[in-house]
Protein backbone atom coordinates (compact mmCIF):
# COMPACT_ATOMS: atom_id res chain seq x y z
CA MET A 1 11.66 -23.89 -10.15
CA HIS A 2 11.07 -20.24 -9.28
CA LEU A 3 10.72 -18.90 -5.77
CA THR A 4 7.19 -17.96 -4.79
CA LEU A 5 5.97 -15.19 -2.52
CA ARG A 6 4.58 -17.84 -0.19
CA GLN A 7 8.01 -19.45 0.16
CA LEU A 8 9.60 -16.09 0.92
CA HIS A 9 6.82 -15.37 3.40
CA TYR A 10 7.39 -18.72 5.14
CA PHE A 11 11.17 -18.25 5.19
CA VAL A 12 10.92 -14.80 6.80
CA ALA A 13 8.45 -16.15 9.35
CA VAL A 14 10.87 -18.94 10.36
CA ILE A 15 13.77 -16.52 10.83
CA ASP A 16 11.64 -14.06 12.80
CA ALA A 17 10.31 -16.81 15.07
CA GLY A 18 13.65 -18.59 15.44
CA SER A 19 11.85 -21.92 15.37
CA MET A 20 9.95 -24.02 12.85
CA THR A 21 7.32 -24.88 15.45
CA ARG A 22 6.71 -21.29 16.54
CA ALA A 23 6.60 -20.10 12.91
CA ALA A 24 4.08 -22.82 12.06
CA ASP A 25 1.91 -21.67 14.96
CA ASP A 26 2.15 -18.04 13.82
CA LEU A 27 1.27 -18.95 10.23
CA HIS A 28 -1.39 -21.51 11.18
CA VAL A 29 0.20 -24.15 8.95
CA ALA A 30 1.50 -27.65 9.66
CA PRO A 31 5.19 -27.79 10.68
CA THR A 32 5.71 -30.44 7.99
CA ALA A 33 4.48 -28.07 5.26
CA LEU A 34 6.85 -25.39 6.53
CA SER A 35 9.81 -27.78 6.61
CA LEU A 36 9.09 -28.96 3.06
CA SER A 37 8.90 -25.37 1.83
CA ILE A 38 12.30 -24.53 3.36
CA LYS A 39 13.83 -27.75 1.98
CA ALA A 40 12.55 -26.90 -1.52
CA MET A 41 14.25 -23.49 -1.26
CA GLU A 42 17.51 -25.09 -0.09
CA ASP A 43 17.31 -27.57 -2.97
CA HIS A 44 16.73 -24.67 -5.37
CA PHE A 45 19.91 -22.91 -4.22
CA ASN A 46 21.73 -26.20 -3.60
CA MET A 47 22.96 -24.98 -0.22
CA PRO A 48 21.66 -24.76 3.36
CA LEU A 49 19.77 -21.62 4.36
CA LEU A 50 19.35 -22.50 8.05
CA HIS A 51 21.50 -23.83 10.85
CA ARG A 52 19.31 -26.17 12.89
CA HIS A 53 20.03 -26.71 16.60
CA SER A 54 18.22 -27.94 19.72
CA ARG A 55 16.69 -24.53 20.48
CA GLY A 56 15.52 -23.71 16.96
CA VAL A 57 17.10 -22.29 13.82
CA VAL A 58 19.31 -19.40 12.72
CA PRO A 59 20.11 -18.35 9.14
CA THR A 60 23.35 -19.23 7.40
CA ASP A 61 25.25 -16.37 5.75
CA VAL A 62 23.37 -17.04 2.51
CA GLY A 63 20.14 -17.38 4.46
CA GLN A 64 20.71 -13.98 6.08
CA THR A 65 21.17 -12.40 2.66
CA LEU A 66 17.99 -14.06 1.40
CA TYR A 67 16.13 -12.94 4.53
CA GLY A 68 17.02 -9.29 3.97
CA ARG A 69 15.99 -9.38 0.33
CA ALA A 70 12.81 -11.33 1.09
CA ARG A 71 11.76 -8.70 3.64
CA LYS A 72 12.24 -5.98 1.01
CA ILE A 73 10.31 -7.94 -1.64
CA LEU A 74 7.36 -8.64 0.66
CA GLY A 75 7.34 -5.00 1.77
CA LEU A 76 7.25 -3.85 -1.85
CA VAL A 77 4.30 -6.16 -2.54
CA VAL A 78 2.35 -4.58 0.32
CA GLU A 79 3.27 -1.05 -0.80
CA THR A 80 2.26 -1.87 -4.39
CA GLU A 81 -1.13 -3.18 -3.32
CA ARG A 82 -1.74 0.00 -1.33
CA ALA A 83 -0.60 2.27 -4.15
CA ILE A 84 -2.87 0.55 -6.68
CA ALA A 85 -5.78 0.68 -4.26
CA ARG A 86 -5.30 4.43 -3.80
CA GLN A 87 -5.00 5.00 -7.56
CA ALA A 88 -8.12 2.92 -8.16
CA GLY A 89 -10.00 5.20 -5.81
CA ILE A 90 -10.95 2.54 -3.27
CA ALA A 91 -12.74 4.56 -0.59
CA THR A 92 -12.29 2.43 2.51
CA ARG A 93 -8.80 1.71 3.85
CA ARG A 94 -8.74 -1.43 5.98
CA ILE A 95 -6.22 -1.32 8.81
CA SER A 96 -5.01 -4.62 10.27
CA LEU A 97 -4.59 -4.17 14.03
CA GLY A 98 -3.04 -6.80 16.30
CA VAL A 99 -3.88 -6.87 20.01
CA PRO A 100 -3.30 -9.34 22.87
CA PRO A 101 -6.48 -10.77 24.43
CA ALA A 102 -6.42 -8.55 27.54
CA ILE A 103 -6.30 -5.37 25.46
CA ALA A 104 -8.78 -6.74 22.92
CA ARG A 105 -11.18 -7.28 25.80
CA MET A 106 -10.48 -3.78 27.03
CA ILE A 107 -11.02 -1.84 23.80
CA GLY A 108 -11.73 -4.29 20.97
CA VAL A 109 -15.44 -3.68 20.46
CA ASP A 110 -15.11 0.08 20.86
CA ALA A 111 -12.23 0.13 18.39
CA LEU A 112 -14.14 -1.87 15.80
CA MET A 113 -17.34 0.11 16.12
CA GLY A 114 -15.86 3.53 16.74
CA VAL A 115 -13.07 3.98 14.24
CA SER A 116 -15.35 4.19 11.19
CA ARG A 117 -17.47 6.83 12.93
CA MET A 118 -14.51 8.83 14.17
CA MET A 119 -12.43 8.41 11.00
CA PRO A 120 -14.60 7.95 7.88
CA GLY A 121 -12.88 5.91 5.19
CA LEU A 122 -11.09 3.62 7.66
CA SER A 123 -12.05 0.22 9.01
CA LEU A 124 -10.20 -2.04 11.43
CA GLN A 125 -9.54 -5.74 11.08
CA VAL A 126 -8.56 -6.90 14.59
CA SER A 127 -6.40 -9.99 15.17
CA GLU A 128 -5.67 -11.43 18.63
CA GLY A 129 -2.42 -13.06 19.70
CA TRP A 130 0.50 -12.83 22.09
CA THR A 131 2.43 -9.59 21.79
CA THR A 132 5.63 -11.36 20.67
CA GLU A 133 3.73 -13.17 17.90
CA LEU A 134 1.99 -9.97 16.82
CA GLN A 135 5.26 -8.05 16.63
CA ARG A 136 6.73 -10.75 14.39
CA ARG A 137 3.69 -10.44 12.13
CA LEU A 138 4.13 -6.65 12.10
CA ASN A 139 7.76 -7.09 11.02
CA ARG A 140 6.55 -9.28 8.15
CA ALA A 141 4.03 -6.59 7.06
CA GLU A 142 1.10 -8.89 7.84
CA LEU A 143 -0.20 -6.26 10.28
CA ASP A 144 -0.23 -2.48 10.01
CA VAL A 145 -0.40 -1.66 13.72
CA VAL A 146 0.05 -3.53 17.01
CA LEU A 147 -1.34 -2.36 20.33
CA GLY A 148 0.44 -4.42 22.97
CA TYR A 149 2.78 -4.77 25.94
CA GLY A 150 6.49 -3.93 25.95
CA LEU A 151 6.80 -3.32 22.22
CA ASP A 152 10.27 -3.02 20.68
CA HIS A 153 11.59 -0.49 18.19
CA SER A 154 13.17 -2.01 15.07
CA ASP A 155 14.00 -1.03 11.51
CA GLY A 156 10.85 0.26 9.85
CA ILE A 157 8.81 0.10 13.07
CA GLU A 158 7.95 3.10 15.26
CA VAL A 159 6.72 2.63 18.85
CA VAL A 160 4.55 5.13 20.74
CA ASN A 161 4.33 4.38 24.47
CA LEU A 162 0.94 5.13 26.02
CA ILE A 163 0.55 4.08 29.66
CA SER A 164 2.07 1.78 32.27
CA ASP A 165 -0.36 -1.02 33.11
CA PRO A 166 0.03 -2.27 36.71
CA PHE A 167 -0.36 -6.00 37.28
CA VAL A 168 -2.08 -7.52 40.33
CA PHE A 169 -2.40 -10.88 42.03
CA ALA A 170 -5.78 -12.45 41.19
CA ALA A 171 -7.58 -15.49 42.58
CA SER A 172 -10.96 -16.78 43.67
CA PRO A 173 -12.10 -14.76 46.74
CA ARG A 174 -12.20 -17.91 48.86
CA LEU A 175 -8.46 -18.41 48.37
CA LEU A 176 -7.51 -14.93 49.58
CA ALA A 177 -6.86 -13.85 53.13
CA PRO A 178 -8.42 -10.53 54.24
CA GLY A 179 -6.52 -7.41 53.29
CA GLU A 180 -5.62 -5.33 50.26
CA THR A 181 -1.99 -6.33 49.71
CA ILE A 182 0.11 -9.46 49.43
CA THR A 183 3.88 -10.05 49.35
CA LEU A 184 5.67 -11.42 46.32
CA ALA A 185 6.83 -14.43 48.37
CA GLU A 186 3.20 -15.24 49.20
CA VAL A 187 2.26 -14.92 45.52
CA LEU A 188 5.07 -17.22 44.39
CA ALA A 189 3.99 -19.88 46.92
CA THR A 190 0.55 -20.25 45.30
CA ASP A 191 -0.52 -22.49 42.44
CA LEU A 192 0.08 -20.00 39.62
CA VAL A 193 -1.45 -20.44 36.18
CA PHE A 194 -0.80 -18.22 33.16
CA TYR A 195 -2.40 -17.80 29.74
CA GLY A 196 -0.10 -18.90 26.99
CA GLU A 197 3.51 -19.93 26.70
CA LYS A 198 5.75 -17.17 28.03
CA SER A 199 2.79 -14.79 28.41
CA VAL A 200 3.32 -11.20 29.51
CA GLY A 201 2.06 -12.11 33.00
CA TRP A 202 4.50 -15.01 33.24
CA ARG A 203 7.40 -12.90 32.02
CA ALA A 204 6.61 -10.03 34.39
CA THR A 205 6.27 -12.36 37.38
CA THR A 206 9.48 -14.22 36.52
CA GLU A 207 11.43 -10.96 36.29
CA ALA A 208 10.05 -9.76 39.63
CA ALA A 209 10.97 -13.09 41.25
CA MET A 210 14.51 -12.99 39.82
CA ALA A 211 14.96 -9.45 41.18
CA GLN A 212 14.31 -10.83 44.67
CA GLY A 213 16.30 -14.02 44.13
CA ALA A 214 13.13 -16.12 44.38
CA VAL A 215 11.42 -18.73 42.23
CA MET A 216 7.84 -19.80 41.64
CA ALA A 217 6.80 -22.83 43.68
CA SER A 218 4.64 -24.07 40.81
CA GLU A 219 3.33 -22.79 37.51
CA ARG A 220 1.11 -23.94 34.68
CA GLN A 221 0.40 -22.52 31.25
CA VAL A 222 -2.84 -23.04 29.34
CA GLU A 223 -3.44 -22.17 25.70
CA SER A 224 -7.06 -21.06 26.08
CA ILE A 225 -7.84 -17.73 27.70
CA ASP A 226 -11.37 -18.97 28.51
CA VAL A 227 -9.96 -22.03 30.31
CA TRP A 228 -7.50 -19.76 32.14
CA ARG A 229 -10.31 -17.53 33.44
CA GLU A 230 -12.42 -20.55 34.39
CA LEU A 231 -9.56 -21.99 36.44
CA LEU A 232 -9.29 -18.71 38.32
CA CYS A 233 -13.04 -18.47 38.96
CA ARG A 234 -13.21 -22.06 40.24
CA GLY A 235 -10.28 -21.57 42.59
CA LEU A 236 -8.12 -24.03 40.66
CA GLY A 237 -5.26 -21.59 40.19
CA THR A 238 -4.02 -18.06 40.85
CA THR A 239 -2.29 -15.59 38.59
CA VAL A 240 -0.55 -12.26 38.13
CA THR A 241 -2.27 -10.23 35.45
CA SER A 242 -3.51 -6.91 34.22
CA VAL A 243 -6.87 -5.99 35.74
CA SER A 244 -8.27 -5.51 32.23
CA ALA A 245 -7.83 -9.23 31.50
CA ILE A 246 -10.20 -10.18 34.33
CA ALA A 247 -12.35 -7.05 34.59
CA GLU A 248 -15.68 -8.79 34.01
CA GLU A 249 -14.90 -11.59 36.48
CA LEU A 250 -13.80 -8.99 39.03
CA VAL A 251 -17.06 -7.05 38.68
CA ARG A 252 -19.09 -10.25 39.08
CA GLY A 253 -17.15 -11.18 42.21
CA ASP A 254 -15.79 -14.41 40.70
CA VAL A 255 -12.23 -13.25 41.33
CA ALA A 256 -10.61 -10.78 43.70
CA VAL A 257 -7.28 -8.99 43.47
CA ARG A 258 -4.47 -7.89 45.74
CA THR A 259 -1.70 -5.41 45.03
CA LEU A 260 1.86 -6.43 45.78
CA SER A 261 3.27 -4.74 48.88
CA ASP A 262 6.97 -5.33 48.15
CA ALA A 263 7.27 -5.41 44.36
CA THR A 264 6.05 -3.38 41.41
CA ILE A 265 4.94 -5.41 38.41
CA ALA A 266 3.84 -3.39 35.41
CA ARG A 267 4.13 -3.36 31.65
CA MET A 268 4.02 -0.47 29.21
CA ILE A 269 1.15 -0.49 26.73
CA GLY A 270 2.21 1.01 23.45
CA ILE A 271 1.45 1.24 19.75
CA ALA A 272 3.87 -0.18 17.19
CA ILE A 273 3.25 1.00 13.65
CA ARG A 274 5.03 0.35 10.38
CA SER A 275 6.92 3.40 9.06
CA GLU A 276 5.07 3.48 5.73
CA VAL A 277 1.75 3.29 7.58
CA ARG A 278 2.88 6.04 9.99
CA ALA A 279 3.44 8.29 6.98
CA GLU A 280 -0.21 8.03 5.92
CA PRO A 281 -2.23 11.22 6.56
CA TRP A 282 -4.73 9.40 8.81
CA ALA A 283 -2.11 7.66 10.99
CA GLU A 284 -1.89 10.40 13.62
CA GLY A 285 -5.64 10.36 14.09
CA LEU A 286 -5.65 6.56 14.48
CA ILE A 287 -2.90 6.73 17.12
CA ARG A 288 -4.85 9.37 19.06
CA PHE A 289 -8.03 7.28 18.78
CA LEU A 290 -6.37 4.12 20.14
CA SER A 291 -4.54 6.08 22.83
CA ASP A 292 -7.77 7.65 24.05
CA LEU A 293 -9.46 4.22 24.17
CA VAL A 294 -6.69 2.76 26.33
CA LYS A 295 -6.49 5.74 28.69
CA ASP A 296 -10.28 5.96 29.05
CA ALA A 297 -10.42 2.23 29.85
CA HIS A 298 -7.85 2.70 32.59
CA ARG A 299 -9.73 5.63 34.08
């Protein structure tokens, strides 16, 4: 048996995610298929590549060595494809851009429609997901650029911070008392609902609560952003979120917002870009284009 690129791709995804289940979700494959792929690799080397525990997986020493080499191999494949495309004279360069749903809603259509006009020869392929998932995909060279919240620098990844996005308390107008502000304690006492496991709103709210030595009275997480918005509009839950995630519902009057009077909850929106992509002659223009979209949306 010889190792395949797919096996290396799966193995890197598992290490990056720290969990078979999370990696399977990221890759959109069945967990069983992922487990069988890893087992086949371990059988090939006749030694374990992962330590499995209750919270997920970590690589063995051999697994860590394989991980580093697999990352280099997969990166070389991507670079080779790009080099051949340039040599072949392919005119249009397709850029894979990852964005979380709130930012996709804020600038997605404008980005898709505008980049080819502003930067001839480029086109965007936009993928939605949670920022943590998107950054893992960026590390695996599945994405060229990520526009998201609280992005981290890492080897081969450059981050350009753009703007701090303030978060607000949002709920159906009939659930809100008159006024423009609300305390964090009042927020935490409501029936909070967040989009997605460990979403940016959940993480930001949890950190603010911990800073005050408080806890949420109740919380729910839903996997559908449409269901999440519907719960808010129907008065079946409240949330802490970026205004951009609920802008249309706010304009229609289906939800209302309050700023927090005794806590600041915000997240930095930034651009994470792979180093080899950053070196491309058009990269600076793309960063300016995305930055202008975000800042114009906030204005």
